[in-house]
Each structure stands twice: as structure tokens, then as C-alpha cells.
């Protein structure tokens, strides 16, 4: 997401129209879709969870580079990590995930075919159909 222009209020559920979402067109389609959904879902973030200052952006970037926090993330970093889980859960309904898990679709069709069909990043397919994902998704949903 991009910081609002000068004079505009920060985004909120009451005023989502000021969102600007920048998506890299050279990324695989699954990442583009995930980015779009994840960023739009940030409208649900509380003010302290937003990445809207230079310090919060620095914390977020440090957490992604491996030089950041170890389990004691600032609220905006936690919101960003939870956003990926929430976005994946919204992109692929629970019923689909359950069928894929039960019928072992990953082994049957392969991650590339499932990623193309579901339009999610290839490396996230196996995690998406795991039982752990369901627990994480429930945890994130309950935290909203």
C-alpha cells in the first residue's frame, strides 16, 4: 500500500477509497493476486497495525530481510504476516482446501498445476492444504 497524499486521511474501514495498491506486473499471477487480496484486507487493520510511518516500514522490511524481530514483532509486522494467511484463506475456500487435503491433490496433480488453477504462489500450495494452515487461519480470523 502507498501512503496517502498530503491532506488525505489514513485509510480506514470507513474510508477505504483512499487505498493505493501497487502490484508488480512482472511477478507470477499468483503473487499478483495474493498481493491484491492481502493489501485490500489491510483495511481491517487497527491503526497501530498499519505501516504508515518510516519507522514502521523499516521494521517491516527488516523482518523480511531476516535481520528483524524474533517472535516479538511490532503490530504492523504481525498484521502483514497475518495478512498473507488471511489472503490465502480468502482466495481458496475452506471446502476446496479440505478436498485437496483429503484427496491428496498435491501428490495427484502437483504444485504447479494447483498453483495455476488456484492462482496462488507455487511455493505456498503445500502449506495451504496443511492442517497447520487451518489452525493459523482460525487464529488470524479470531484476531480481527
Protein backbone atom coordinates (compact mmCIF):
# COMPACT_ATOMS: atom_id res chain seq x y z
CA UNK A 1 0.00 0.00 0.00
CA UNK A 2 1.08 3.54 -0.60
CA UNK A 3 0.94 6.37 1.93
CA UNK A 4 -1.99 8.74 1.21
CA UNK A 5 -1.28 12.03 -0.48
CA UNK A 6 -0.76 15.07 1.68
CA UNK A 7 -4.04 16.27 3.13
CA UNK A 8 -5.73 12.87 2.86
CA UNK A 9 -6.65 10.90 5.93
CA UNK A 10 -5.13 7.49 6.53
CA UNK A 11 -7.16 4.55 5.28
CA UNK A 12 -9.84 3.00 7.42
CA UNK A 13 -12.80 0.65 7.04
CA UNK A 14 -14.95 3.77 6.92
CA UNK A 15 -12.84 5.35 4.17
CA UNK A 16 -11.27 2.60 2.04
CA UNK A 17 -11.44 4.64 -1.15
CA UNK A 18 -8.03 6.19 -0.49
CA UNK A 19 -6.19 2.88 -0.90
CA UNK A 20 -3.49 2.75 -3.50
CA UNK A 21 -2.26 -0.74 -4.25
CA UNK A 22 0.89 -1.14 -6.35
CA UNK A 23 1.40 -4.59 -7.86
CA UNK A 24 4.48 -5.65 -9.83
CA UNK A 25 3.28 -6.83 -13.22
CA UNK A 26 6.41 -8.93 -13.72
CA UNK A 27 5.54 -11.24 -10.80
CA UNK A 28 3.77 -14.53 -11.40
CA UNK A 29 -0.01 -14.18 -11.48
CA UNK A 30 -0.37 -15.98 -8.14
CA UNK A 31 1.74 -13.32 -6.41
CA UNK A 32 -0.18 -10.53 -8.09
CA UNK A 33 -3.48 -11.98 -6.86
CA UNK A 34 -2.11 -12.60 -3.35
CA UNK A 35 -0.72 -9.07 -3.15
CA UNK A 36 -4.02 -7.55 -4.25
CA UNK A 37 -6.12 -9.52 -1.76
CA UNK A 38 -3.64 -9.08 1.13
CA UNK A 39 -3.38 -5.33 0.66
CA UNK A 40 -7.13 -4.83 0.39
CA UNK A 41 -7.63 -6.84 3.60
CA UNK A 42 -5.37 -4.37 5.42
CA UNK A 43 -8.44 -2.14 5.63
CA UNK A 44 -9.32 -4.35 8.62
CA UNK A 45 -6.10 -3.41 10.45
CA UNK A 46 -6.32 -1.33 13.60
CA UNK A 47 -4.42 1.99 13.49
CA UNK A 48 -1.44 0.55 15.43
CA UNK A 49 -1.17 -2.28 12.88
CA UNK A 50 -0.70 -0.01 9.89
CA UNK A 51 2.61 0.51 8.13
CA UNK A 52 2.21 4.24 7.69
CA UNK A 53 5.43 5.73 9.07
CA UNK A 54 9.09 5.40 8.08
CA UNK A 55 9.87 3.52 11.33
CA UNK A 56 7.07 1.02 10.78
CA UNK A 57 8.17 0.47 7.20
CA UNK A 58 11.75 -0.08 8.40
CA UNK A 59 10.54 -2.71 10.92
CA UNK A 60 8.57 -4.46 8.21
CA UNK A 61 11.49 -4.52 5.77
CA UNK A 62 13.91 -5.71 8.46
CA UNK A 63 11.58 -8.58 9.36
CA UNK A 64 11.57 -9.69 5.72
CA UNK A 65 15.34 -9.49 5.35
CA UNK A 66 15.96 -11.83 8.26
CA UNK A 67 17.57 -9.09 10.35
CA UNK A 68 14.42 -8.22 12.21
CA UNK A 69 12.43 -9.49 15.10
CA UNK A 70 12.23 -12.99 16.53
CA UNK A 71 8.65 -13.64 17.58
CA UNK A 72 8.22 -10.24 19.21
CA UNK A 73 7.10 -8.39 16.10
CA UNK A 74 5.65 -4.88 16.17
CA UNK A 75 1.90 -4.78 15.44
CA UNK A 76 2.34 -3.75 11.79
CA UNK A 77 4.73 -6.65 11.10
CA UNK A 78 2.35 -9.14 12.72
CA UNK A 79 -0.53 -7.67 10.70
CA UNK A 80 1.45 -8.09 7.49
CA UNK A 81 2.32 -11.73 8.26
CA UNK A 82 -1.28 -12.45 9.29
CA UNK A 83 -2.43 -10.71 6.11
CA UNK A 84 -0.78 -13.38 3.96
CA UNK A 85 -2.59 -16.14 5.86
CA UNK A 86 -5.90 -14.31 5.70
CA UNK A 87 -5.50 -13.58 1.99
CA UNK A 88 -4.69 -17.20 1.14
CA UNK A 89 -7.67 -18.38 3.16
CA UNK A 90 -9.94 -15.95 1.34
CA UNK A 91 -8.56 -16.85 -2.08
CA UNK A 92 -9.06 -20.60 -1.62
CA UNK A 93 -12.25 -21.51 0.28
CA UNK A 94 -12.02 -23.95 3.17
CA UNK A 95 -14.10 -26.56 1.30
CA UNK A 96 -11.54 -26.54 -1.54
CA UNK A 97 -8.66 -26.85 0.92
CA UNK A 98 -10.36 -29.78 2.67
CA UNK A 99 -10.98 -31.64 -0.60
CA UNK A 100 -7.42 -31.04 -1.76
CA UNK A 101 -6.09 -32.34 1.55
CA UNK A 102 -8.44 -35.35 1.73
CA UNK A 103 -7.93 -36.43 -1.86
CA UNK A 104 -4.20 -35.67 -1.82
CA UNK A 105 -4.38 -33.32 -4.80
CA UNK A 106 -0.80 -32.12 -4.32
CA UNK A 107 0.50 -35.62 -4.95
CA UNK A 108 -2.08 -36.28 -7.65
CA UNK A 109 -1.70 -33.10 -9.74
CA UNK A 110 1.47 -31.41 -8.47
CA UNK A 111 2.03 -27.96 -7.03
CA UNK A 112 2.46 -26.23 -10.39
CA UNK A 113 -0.93 -27.36 -11.70
CA UNK A 114 -2.69 -26.46 -8.45
CA UNK A 115 -0.98 -23.07 -8.27
CA UNK A 116 -2.09 -22.28 -11.81
CA UNK A 117 -5.65 -23.45 -11.14
CA UNK A 118 -5.99 -21.58 -7.82
CA UNK A 119 -3.88 -18.58 -8.85
CA UNK A 120 -1.73 -18.64 -5.72
CA UNK A 121 2.09 -18.66 -5.48
CA UNK A 122 3.52 -22.10 -6.23
CA UNK A 123 5.62 -22.38 -3.07
CA UNK A 124 2.56 -21.75 -0.87
CA UNK A 125 0.45 -24.68 -2.13
CA UNK A 126 1.72 -27.36 0.24
CA UNK A 127 1.30 -25.09 3.28
CA UNK A 128 -2.15 -24.04 2.12
CA UNK A 129 -3.50 -27.59 2.20
CA UNK A 130 -1.92 -28.46 5.56
CA UNK A 131 -3.78 -28.85 8.85
CA UNK A 132 -1.46 -26.20 10.32
CA UNK A 133 -2.81 -23.68 7.82
CA UNK A 134 -6.33 -24.24 9.13
CA UNK A 135 -5.16 -23.56 12.69
CA UNK A 136 -3.30 -20.42 11.60
CA UNK A 137 -6.25 -19.20 9.56
CA UNK A 138 -8.62 -19.66 12.53
CA UNK A 139 -6.17 -17.81 14.80
CA UNK A 140 -5.99 -14.87 12.38
CA UNK A 141 -9.75 -14.77 11.86
CA UNK A 142 -10.31 -14.68 15.62
CA UNK A 143 -7.85 -11.81 15.99
CA UNK A 144 -9.77 -9.44 13.70
